[in-house]
PDB file of N, CA and C in Angstrom:
ATOM      1  N   MET A   1       0.821  -1.188   0.000  1.00  0.00           N
ATOM      2  CA  MET A   1       0.000   0.000   0.000  1.00  0.00           C
ATOM      3  C   MET A   1       0.870   1.259   0.000  1.00  0.00           C
ATOM      4  N   ILE A   2       1.945   1.248   0.771  1.00  0.00           N
ATOM      5  CA  ILE A   2       2.848   2.402   0.802  1.00  0.00           C
ATOM      6  C   ILE A   2       3.511   2.583  -0.564  1.00  0.00           C
ATOM      7  N   GLY A   3       3.864   1.480  -1.198  1.00  0.00           N
ATOM      8  CA  GLY A   3       4.443   1.543  -2.537  1.00  0.00           C
ATOM      9  C   GLY A   3       3.485   2.140  -3.547  1.00  0.00           C
ATOM     10  N   PHE A   4       2.200   1.823  -3.396  1.00  0.00           N
ATOM     11  CA  PHE A   4       1.181   2.354  -4.294  1.00  0.00           C
ATOM     12  C   PHE A   4       1.039   3.868  -4.097  1.00  0.00           C
ATOM     13  N   ILE A   5       1.124   4.324  -2.857  1.00  0.00           N
ATOM     14  CA  ILE A   5       1.054   5.761  -2.571  1.00  0.00           C
ATOM     15  C   ILE A   5       2.270   6.477  -3.154  1.00  0.00           C
ATOM     16  N   ILE A   6       3.443   5.885  -3.005  1.00  0.00           N
ATOM     17  CA  ILE A   6       4.661   6.484  -3.561  1.00  0.00           C
ATOM     18  C   ILE A   6       4.584   6.521  -5.084  1.00  0.00           C
ATOM     19  N   ALA A   7       4.087   5.428  -5.691  1.00  0.00           N
ATOM     20  CA  ALA A   7       3.922   5.409  -7.146  1.00  0.00           C
ATOM     21  C   ALA A   7       2.932   6.481  -7.589  1.00  0.00           C
ATOM     22  N   GLY A   8       1.856   6.670  -6.829  1.00  0.00           N
ATOM     23  CA  GLY A   8       0.884   7.714  -7.143  1.00  0.00           C
ATOM     24  C   GLY A   8       1.492   9.096  -7.072  1.00  0.00           C
ATOM     25  N   LEU A   9       2.351   9.320  -6.091  1.00  0.00           N
ATOM     26  CA  LEU A   9       3.016  10.612  -5.957  1.00  0.00           C
ATOM     27  C   LEU A   9       3.970  10.852  -7.129  1.00  0.00           C
ATOM     28  N   VAL A  10       4.709   9.823  -7.518  1.00  0.00           N
ATOM     29  CA  VAL A  10       5.630   9.939  -8.649  1.00  0.00           C
ATOM     30  C   VAL A  10       4.852  10.193  -9.938  1.00  0.00           C
ATOM     31  N   ILE A  11       3.766   9.449 -10.135  1.00  0.00           N
ATOM     32  CA  ILE A  11       2.951   9.621 -11.341  1.00  0.00           C
ATOM     33  C   ILE A  11       2.334  11.013 -11.368  1.00  0.00           C
ATOM     34  N   GLY A  12       1.823  11.480 -10.233  1.00  0.00           N
ATOM     35  CA  GLY A  12       1.261  12.827 -10.166  1.00  0.00           C
ATOM     36  C   GLY A  12       2.297  13.897 -10.448  1.00  0.00           C
ATOM     37  N   ALA A  13       3.497  13.721  -9.897  1.00  0.00           N
ATOM     38  CA  ALA A  13       4.571  14.693 -10.125  1.00  0.00           C
ATOM     39  C   ALA A  13       4.990  14.709 -11.594  1.00  0.00           C
ATOM     40  N   LEU A  14       5.108  13.532 -12.203  1.00  0.00           N
ATOM     41  CA  LEU A  14       5.447  13.469 -13.626  1.00  0.00           C
ATOM     42  C   LEU A  14       4.364  14.120 -14.480  1.00  0.00           C
ATOM     43  N   ALA A  15       3.118  13.885 -14.114  1.00  0.00           N
ATOM     44  CA  ALA A  15       2.012  14.473 -14.868  1.00  0.00           C
ATOM     45  C   ALA A  15       2.058  15.995 -14.776  1.00  0.00           C
ATOM     46  N   ARG A  16       2.388  16.519 -13.597  1.00  0.00           N
ATOM     47  CA  ARG A  16       2.479  17.979 -13.450  1.00  0.00           C
ATOM     48  C   ARG A  16       3.654  18.536 -14.238  1.00  0.00           C
ATOM     49  N   LEU A  17       4.743  17.774 -14.354  1.00  0.00           N
ATOM     50  CA  LEU A  17       5.877  18.223 -15.150  1.00  0.00           C
ATOM     51  C   LEU A  17       5.551  18.219 -16.642  1.00  0.00           C
ATOM     52  N   ILE A  18       4.764  17.233 -17.062  1.00  0.00           N
ATOM     53  CA  ILE A  18       4.418  17.112 -18.477  1.00  0.00           C
ATOM     54  C   ILE A  18       3.401  18.172 -18.882  1.00  0.00           C
ATOM     55  N   LYS A  19       2.435  18.443 -18.016  1.00  0.00           N
ATOM     56  CA  LYS A  19       1.362  19.388 -18.338  1.00  0.00           C
ATOM     57  C   LYS A  19       1.942  20.798 -18.337  1.00  0.00           C
ATOM     58  N   PRO A  20       1.781  21.520 -19.450  1.00  0.00           N
ATOM     59  CA  PRO A  20       2.341  22.873 -19.504  1.00  0.00           C
ATOM     60  C   PRO A  20       1.560  23.854 -18.634  1.00  0.00           C
ATOM     61  N   GLY A  21       2.238  24.892 -18.231  1.00  0.00           N
ATOM     62  CA  GLY A  21       1.597  25.936 -17.435  1.00  0.00           C
ATOM     63  C   GLY A  21       1.712  25.674 -15.950  1.00  0.00           C
ATOM     64  N   LYS A  22       1.230  26.637 -15.183  1.00  0.00           N
ATOM     65  CA  LYS A  22       1.277  26.535 -13.725  1.00  0.00           C
ATOM     66  C   LYS A  22      -0.009  25.898 -13.234  1.00  0.00           C
ATOM     67  N   GLN A  23       0.124  24.883 -12.412  1.00  0.00           N
ATOM     68  CA  GLN A  23      -1.035  24.234 -11.821  1.00  0.00           C
ATOM     69  C   GLN A  23      -1.189  24.716 -10.382  1.00  0.00           C
ATOM     70  N   ASN A  24      -2.387  25.072 -10.031  1.00  0.00           N
ATOM     71  CA  ASN A  24      -2.671  25.507  -8.668  1.00  0.00           C
ATOM     72  C   ASN A  24      -3.164  24.317  -7.841  1.00  0.00           C
ATOM     73  N   LEU A  25      -2.350  23.284  -7.775  1.00  0.00           N
ATOM     74  CA  LEU A  25      -2.689  22.084  -7.027  1.00  0.00           C
ATOM     75  C   LEU A  25      -1.650  21.866  -5.940  1.00  0.00           C
ATOM     76  N   GLY A  26      -2.105  21.459  -4.779  1.00  0.00           N
ATOM     77  CA  GLY A  26      -1.198  21.153  -3.687  1.00  0.00           C
ATOM     78  C   GLY A  26      -0.656  19.738  -3.798  1.00  0.00           C
ATOM     79  N   ILE A  27       0.163  19.381  -2.837  1.00  0.00           N
ATOM     80  CA  ILE A  27       0.779  18.057  -2.832  1.00  0.00           C
ATOM     81  C   ILE A  27      -0.268  16.966  -2.633  1.00  0.00           C
ATOM     82  N   LEU A  28      -1.287  17.234  -1.832  1.00  0.00           N
ATOM     83  CA  LEU A  28      -2.336  16.242  -1.604  1.00  0.00           C
ATOM     84  C   LEU A  28      -3.146  16.003  -2.871  1.00  0.00           C
ATOM     85  N   ALA A  29      -3.479  17.066  -3.599  1.00  0.00           N
ATOM     86  CA  ALA A  29      -4.213  16.908  -4.853  1.00  0.00           C
ATOM     87  C   ALA A  29      -3.360  16.170  -5.878  1.00  0.00           C
ATOM     88  N   THR A  30      -2.074  16.469  -5.924  1.00  0.00           N
ATOM     89  CA  THR A  30      -1.161  15.771  -6.834  1.00  0.00           C
ATOM     90  C   THR A  30      -1.113  14.288  -6.492  1.00  0.00           C
ATOM     91  N   LEU A  31      -1.031  13.977  -5.206  1.00  0.00           N
ATOM     92  CA  LEU A  31      -0.999  12.589  -4.756  1.00  0.00           C
ATOM     93  C   LEU A  31      -2.288  11.866  -5.136  1.00  0.00           C
ATOM     94  N   LEU A  32      -3.427  12.479  -4.855  1.00  0.00           N
ATOM     95  CA  LEU A  32      -4.706  11.835  -5.148  1.00  0.00           C
ATOM     96  C   LEU A  32      -4.908  11.625  -6.646  1.00  0.00           C
ATOM     97  N   LEU A  33      -4.578  12.625  -7.448  1.00  0.00           N
ATOM     98  CA  LEU A  33      -4.714  12.475  -8.891  1.00  0.00           C
ATOM     99  C   LEU A  33      -3.728  11.438  -9.437  1.00  0.00           C
ATOM    100  N   GLY A  34      -2.557  11.367  -8.850  1.00  0.00           N
ATOM    101  CA  GLY A  34      -1.588  10.338  -9.248  1.00  0.00           C
ATOM    102  C   GLY A  34      -2.064   8.943  -8.898  1.00  0.00           C
ATOM    103  N   ILE A  35      -2.679   8.787  -7.735  1.00  0.00           N
ATOM    104  CA  ILE A  35      -3.202   7.477  -7.331  1.00  0.00           C
ATOM    105  C   ILE A  35      -4.354   7.071  -8.242  1.00  0.00           C
ATOM    106  N   VAL A  36      -5.245   8.007  -8.535  1.00  0.00           N
ATOM    107  CA  VAL A  36      -6.354   7.691  -9.443  1.00  0.00           C
ATOM    108  C   VAL A  36      -5.810   7.340 -10.824  1.00  0.00           C
ATOM    109  N   GLY A  37      -4.809   8.077 -11.290  1.00  0.00           N
ATOM    110  CA  GLY A  37      -4.168   7.756 -12.565  1.00  0.00           C
ATOM    111  C   GLY A  37      -3.526   6.379 -12.550  1.00  0.00           C
ATOM    112  N   ALA A  38      -2.899   6.026 -11.420  1.00  0.00           N
ATOM    113  CA  ALA A  38      -2.281   4.699 -11.293  1.00  0.00           C
ATOM    114  C   ALA A  38      -3.333   3.598 -11.333  1.00  0.00           C
ATOM    115  N   ILE A  39      -4.469   3.834 -10.710  1.00  0.00           N
ATOM    116  CA  ILE A  39      -5.549   2.841 -10.740  1.00  0.00           C
ATOM    117  C   ILE A  39      -6.080   2.690 -12.163  1.00  0.00           C
ATOM    118  N   ILE A  40      -6.281   3.815 -12.849  1.00  0.00           N
ATOM    119  CA  ILE A  40      -6.753   3.755 -14.231  1.00  0.00           C
ATOM    120  C   ILE A  40      -5.738   3.025 -15.109  1.00  0.00           C
ATOM    121  N   GLY A  41      -4.462   3.333 -14.950  1.00  0.00           N
ATOM    122  CA  GLY A  41      -3.417   2.653 -15.709  1.00  0.00           C
ATOM    123  C   GLY A  41      -3.376   1.164 -15.424  1.00  0.00           C
ATOM    124  N   GLY A  42      -3.544   0.794 -14.152  1.00  0.00           N
ATOM    125  CA  GLY A  42      -3.562  -0.621 -13.790  1.00  0.00           C
ATOM    126  C   GLY A  42      -4.758  -1.350 -14.360  1.00  0.00           C
ATOM    127  N   VAL A  43      -5.912  -0.702 -14.355  1.00  0.00           N
ATOM    128  CA  VAL A  43      -7.122  -1.327 -14.904  1.00  0.00           C
ATOM    129  C   VAL A  43      -6.974  -1.536 -16.406  1.00  0.00           C
ATOM    130  N   ILE A  44      -6.476  -0.527 -17.111  1.00  0.00           N
ATOM    131  CA  ILE A  44      -6.308  -0.665 -18.559  1.00  0.00           C
ATOM    132  C   ILE A  44      -5.261  -1.718 -18.885  1.00  0.00           C
ATOM    133  N   ALA A  45      -4.168  -1.752 -18.142  1.00  0.00           N
ATOM    134  CA  ALA A  45      -3.154  -2.784 -18.359  1.00  0.00           C
ATOM    135  C   ALA A  45      -3.730  -4.175 -18.091  1.00  0.00           C
ATOM    136  N   ASN A  46      -4.566  -4.284 -17.077  1.00  0.00           N
ATOM    137  CA  ASN A  46      -5.207  -5.559 -16.766  1.00  0.00           C
ATOM    138  C   ASN A  46      -6.151  -5.975 -17.892  1.00  0.00           C
ATOM    139  N   LEU A  47      -6.910  -5.017 -18.414  1.00  0.00           N
ATOM    140  CA  LEU A  47      -7.827  -5.325 -19.516  1.00  0.00           C
ATOM    141  C   LEU A  47      -7.085  -5.761 -20.773  1.00  0.00           C
ATOM    142  N   LEU A  48      -5.886  -5.207 -20.968  1.00  0.00           N
ATOM    143  CA  LEU A  48      -5.068  -5.593 -22.118  1.00  0.00           C
ATOM    144  C   LEU A  48      -4.289  -6.880 -21.865  1.00  0.00           C
ATOM    145  N   GLY A  49      -4.340  -7.378 -20.636  1.00  0.00           N
ATOM    146  CA  GLY A  49      -3.679  -8.636 -20.309  1.00  0.00           C
ATOM    147  C   GLY A  49      -2.195  -8.520 -20.050  1.00  0.00           C
ATOM    148  N   THR A  50      -1.705  -7.339 -19.725  1.00  0.00           N
ATOM    149  CA  THR A  50      -0.269  -7.184 -19.490  1.00  0.00           C
ATOM    150  C   THR A  50       0.122  -7.229 -18.021  1.00  0.00           C
ATOM    151  N   GLY A  51      -0.845  -7.246 -17.118  1.00  0.00           N
ATOM    152  CA  GLY A  51      -0.510  -7.303 -15.705  1.00  0.00           C
ATOM    153  C   GLY A  51      -1.729  -7.145 -14.840  1.00  0.00           C
ATOM    154  N   ASP A  52      -1.514  -7.199 -13.545  1.00  0.00           N
ATOM    155  CA  ASP A  52      -2.583  -7.054 -12.568  1.00  0.00           C
ATOM    156  C   ASP A  52      -2.862  -5.571 -12.332  1.00  0.00           C
ATOM    157  N   ILE A  53      -3.991  -5.270 -11.727  1.00  0.00           N
ATOM    158  CA  ILE A  53      -4.381  -3.880 -11.495  1.00  0.00           C
ATOM    159  C   ILE A  53      -3.352  -3.173 -10.618  1.00  0.00           C
ATOM    160  N   PHE A  54      -2.890  -3.812  -9.565  1.00  0.00           N
ATOM    161  CA  PHE A  54      -1.951  -3.177  -8.643  1.00  0.00           C
ATOM    162  C   PHE A  54      -0.500  -3.467  -8.988  1.00  0.00           C
ATOM    163  N   GLU A  55      -0.266  -4.096 -10.125  1.00  0.00           N
ATOM    164  CA  GLU A  55       1.090  -4.365 -10.605  1.00  0.00           C
ATOM    165  C   GLU A  55       1.357  -3.403 -11.748  1.00  0.00           C
ATOM    166  N   LEU A  56       2.049  -2.326 -11.450  1.00  0.00           N
ATOM    167  CA  LEU A  56       2.249  -1.272 -12.440  1.00  0.00           C
ATOM    168  C   LEU A  56       3.430  -1.632 -13.327  1.00  0.00           C
ATOM    169  N   ASN A  57       3.156  -2.038 -14.565  1.00  0.00           N
ATOM    170  CA  ASN A  57       4.203  -2.339 -15.522  1.00  0.00           C
ATOM    171  C   ASN A  57       4.411  -1.139 -16.435  1.00  0.00           C
ATOM    172  N   VAL A  58       5.207  -1.285 -17.474  1.00  0.00           N
ATOM    173  CA  VAL A  58       5.557  -0.150 -18.324  1.00  0.00           C
ATOM    174  C   VAL A  58       4.321   0.433 -19.006  1.00  0.00           C
ATOM    175  N   LEU A  59       3.498  -0.419 -19.604  1.00  0.00           N
ATOM    176  CA  LEU A  59       2.294   0.070 -20.273  1.00  0.00           C
ATOM    177  C   LEU A  59       1.347   0.725 -19.271  1.00  0.00           C
ATOM    178  N   GLY A  60       1.156   0.091 -18.131  1.00  0.00           N
ATOM    179  CA  GLY A  60       0.299   0.654 -17.100  1.00  0.00           C
ATOM    180  C   GLY A  60       0.825   1.977 -16.581  1.00  0.00           C
ATOM    181  N   PHE A  61       2.150   2.095 -16.461  1.00  0.00           N
ATOM    182  CA  PHE A  61       2.763   3.339 -15.987  1.00  0.00           C
ATOM    183  C   PHE A  61       2.532   4.469 -16.989  1.00  0.00           C
ATOM    184  N   ILE A  62       2.715   4.175 -18.269  1.00  0.00           N
ATOM    185  CA  ILE A  62       2.507   5.193 -19.304  1.00  0.00           C
ATOM    186  C   ILE A  62       1.053   5.642 -19.318  1.00  0.00           C
ATOM    187  N   VAL A  63       0.137   4.681 -19.274  1.00  0.00           N
ATOM    188  CA  VAL A  63      -1.289   5.016 -19.256  1.00  0.00           C
ATOM    189  C   VAL A  63      -1.634   5.792 -17.988  1.00  0.00           C
ATOM    190  N   ALA A  64      -1.021   5.431 -16.871  1.00  0.00           N
ATOM    191  CA  ALA A  64      -1.277   6.123 -15.612  1.00  0.00           C
ATOM    192  C   ALA A  64      -0.836   7.577 -15.685  1.00  0.00           C
ATOM    193  N   VAL A  65       0.314   7.847 -16.270  1.00  0.00           N
ATOM    194  CA  VAL A  65       0.792   9.228 -16.385  1.00  0.00           C
ATOM    195  C   VAL A  65      -0.118  10.025 -17.322  1.00  0.00           C
ATOM    196  N   VAL A  66      -0.517   9.427 -18.440  1.00  0.00           N
ATOM    197  CA  VAL A  66      -1.426  10.111 -19.364  1.00  0.00           C
ATOM    198  C   VAL A  66      -2.762  10.390 -18.676  1.00  0.00           C
ATOM    199  N   ALA A  67      -3.284   9.411 -17.952  1.00  0.00           N
ATOM    200  CA  ALA A  67      -4.547   9.606 -17.232  1.00  0.00           C
ATOM    201  C   ALA A  67      -4.410  10.705 -16.180  1.00  0.00           C
ATOM    202  N   ALA A  68      -3.281  10.739 -15.485  1.00  0.00           N
ATOM    203  CA  ALA A  68      -3.067  11.774 -14.467  1.00  0.00           C
ATOM    204  C   ALA A  68      -2.968  13.164 -15.100  1.00  0.00           C
ATOM    205  N   VAL A  69      -2.336  13.264 -16.281  1.00  0.00           N
ATOM    206  CA  VAL A  69      -2.273  14.554 -16.976  1.00  0.00           C
ATOM    207  C   VAL A  69      -3.689  15.016 -17.318  1.00  0.00           C
ATOM    208  N   LEU A  70      -4.518  14.102 -17.820  1.00  0.00           N
ATOM    209  CA  LEU A  70      -5.898  14.454 -18.141  1.00  0.00           C
ATOM    210  C   LEU A  70      -6.682  14.837 -16.887  1.00  0.00           C
ATOM    211  N   LEU A  71      -6.460  14.102 -15.801  1.00  0.00           N
ATOM    212  CA  LEU A  71      -7.150  14.423 -14.551  1.00  0.00           C
ATOM    213  C   LEU A  71      -6.726  15.780 -13.996  1.00  0.00           C
ATOM    214  N   ILE A  72      -5.466  16.122 -14.147  1.00  0.00           N
ATOM    215  CA  ILE A  72      -5.001  17.439 -13.708  1.00  0.00           C
ATOM    216  C   ILE A  72      -5.676  18.526 -14.531  1.00  0.00           C
ATOM    217  N   GLY A  73      -5.820  18.296 -15.829  1.00  0.00           N
ATOM    218  CA  GLY A  73      -6.538  19.256 -16.670  1.00  0.00           C
ATOM    219  C   GLY A  73      -7.981  19.428 -16.238  1.00  0.00           C
ATOM    220  N   VAL A  74      -8.639  18.326 -15.903  1.00  0.00           N
ATOM    221  CA  VAL A  74     -10.024  18.395 -15.432  1.00  0.00           C
ATOM    222  C   VAL A  74     -10.093  19.131 -14.095  1.00  0.00           C
ATOM    223  N   ALA A  75      -9.174  18.828 -13.198  1.00  0.00           N
ATOM    224  CA  ALA A  75      -9.157  19.484 -11.886  1.00  0.00           C
ATOM    225  C   ALA A  75      -8.914  20.980 -12.032  1.00  0.00           C
ATOM    226  N   GLU A  76      -8.029  21.361 -12.938  1.00  0.00           N
ATOM    227  CA  GLU A  76      -7.770  22.785 -13.165  1.00  0.00           C
ATOM    228  C   GLU A  76      -9.003  23.484 -13.716  1.00  0.00           C
ATOM    229  N   SER A  77      -9.694  22.832 -14.650  1.00  0.00           N
ATOM    230  CA  SER A  77     -10.879  23.471 -15.228  1.00  0.00           C
ATOM    231  C   SER A  77     -11.989  23.601 -14.188  1.00  0.00           C
ATOM    232  N   LEU A  78     -12.121  22.611 -13.319  1.00  0.00           N
ATOM    233  CA  LEU A  78     -13.132  22.693 -12.273  1.00  0.00           C
ATOM    234  C   LEU A  78     -12.790  23.773 -11.250  1.00  0.00           C
ATOM    235  N   SER A  79     -11.531  23.878 -10.883  1.00  0.00           N
ATOM    236  CA  SER A  79     -11.138  24.910  -9.920  1.00  0.00           C
ATOM    237  C   SER A  79     -11.210  26.287 -10.558  1.00  0.00           C
ATOM    238  N   GLY A  80     -10.970  26.388 -11.859  1.00  0.00           N
ATOM    239  CA  GLY A  80     -11.076  27.664 -12.554  1.00  0.00           C
ATOM    240  C   GLY A  80     -12.511  28.164 -12.611  1.00  0.00           C
ATOM    241  N   ARG A  81     -13.457  27.239 -12.773  1.00  0.00           N
ATOM    242  CA  ARG A  81     -14.862  27.623 -12.788  1.00  0.00           C
ATOM    243  C   ARG A  81     -15.290  28.160 -11.423  1.00  0.00           C
ATOM    244  N   ARG A  82     -14.817  27.534 -10.366  1.00  0.00           N
ATOM    245  CA  ARG A  82     -15.174  28.003  -9.013  1.00  0.00           C
ATOM    246  C   ARG A  82     -14.590  29.385  -8.749  1.00  0.00           C
ATOM    247  N   ALA A  83     -13.380  29.647  -9.249  1.00  0.00           N
ATOM    248  CA  ALA A  83     -12.736  30.939  -9.038  1.00  0.00           C
ATOM    249  C   ALA A  83     -13.467  32.044  -9.797  1.00  0.00           C
ATOM    250  N   VAL A  84     -14.016  31.725 -10.959  1.00  0.00           N
ATOM    251  CA  VAL A  84     -14.727  32.722 -11.761  1.00  0.00           C
ATOM    252  C   VAL A  84     -16.056  33.073 -11.109  1.00  0.00           C
ATOM    253  N   ARG A  85     -16.711  32.124 -10.479  1.00  0.00           N
ATOM    254  CA  ARG A  85     -18.022  32.353  -9.875  1.00  0.00           C
ATOM    255  C   ARG A  85     -17.946  33.220  -8.632  1.00  0.00           C
ATOM    256  N   ARG A  86     -16.822  33.306  -7.973  1.00  0.00           N
ATOM    257  CA  ARG A  86     -16.707  34.059  -6.709  1.00  0.00           C
ATOM    258  C   ARG A  86     -16.807  35.507  -6.887  1.00  0.00           C
TER     259      ARG A  86
END
């Protein structure tokens, strides 16, 4: 479980490095989005038959980072809408 949290943090950090621009996300949001990305990557890798959901292989890692980049974009757009409404 600790390894999964560390992998989520690494995936979230990589996603923030890949996504251009400044993200207004804290370390906890980065961790959570990285963990969700890791789960999505594991599920897709499992569906493709390359590994288990919690066994992050190369394909699962790549998909996890891409999913985390997309999730960061969604989180930014949602937080931007809240900032505009205030």
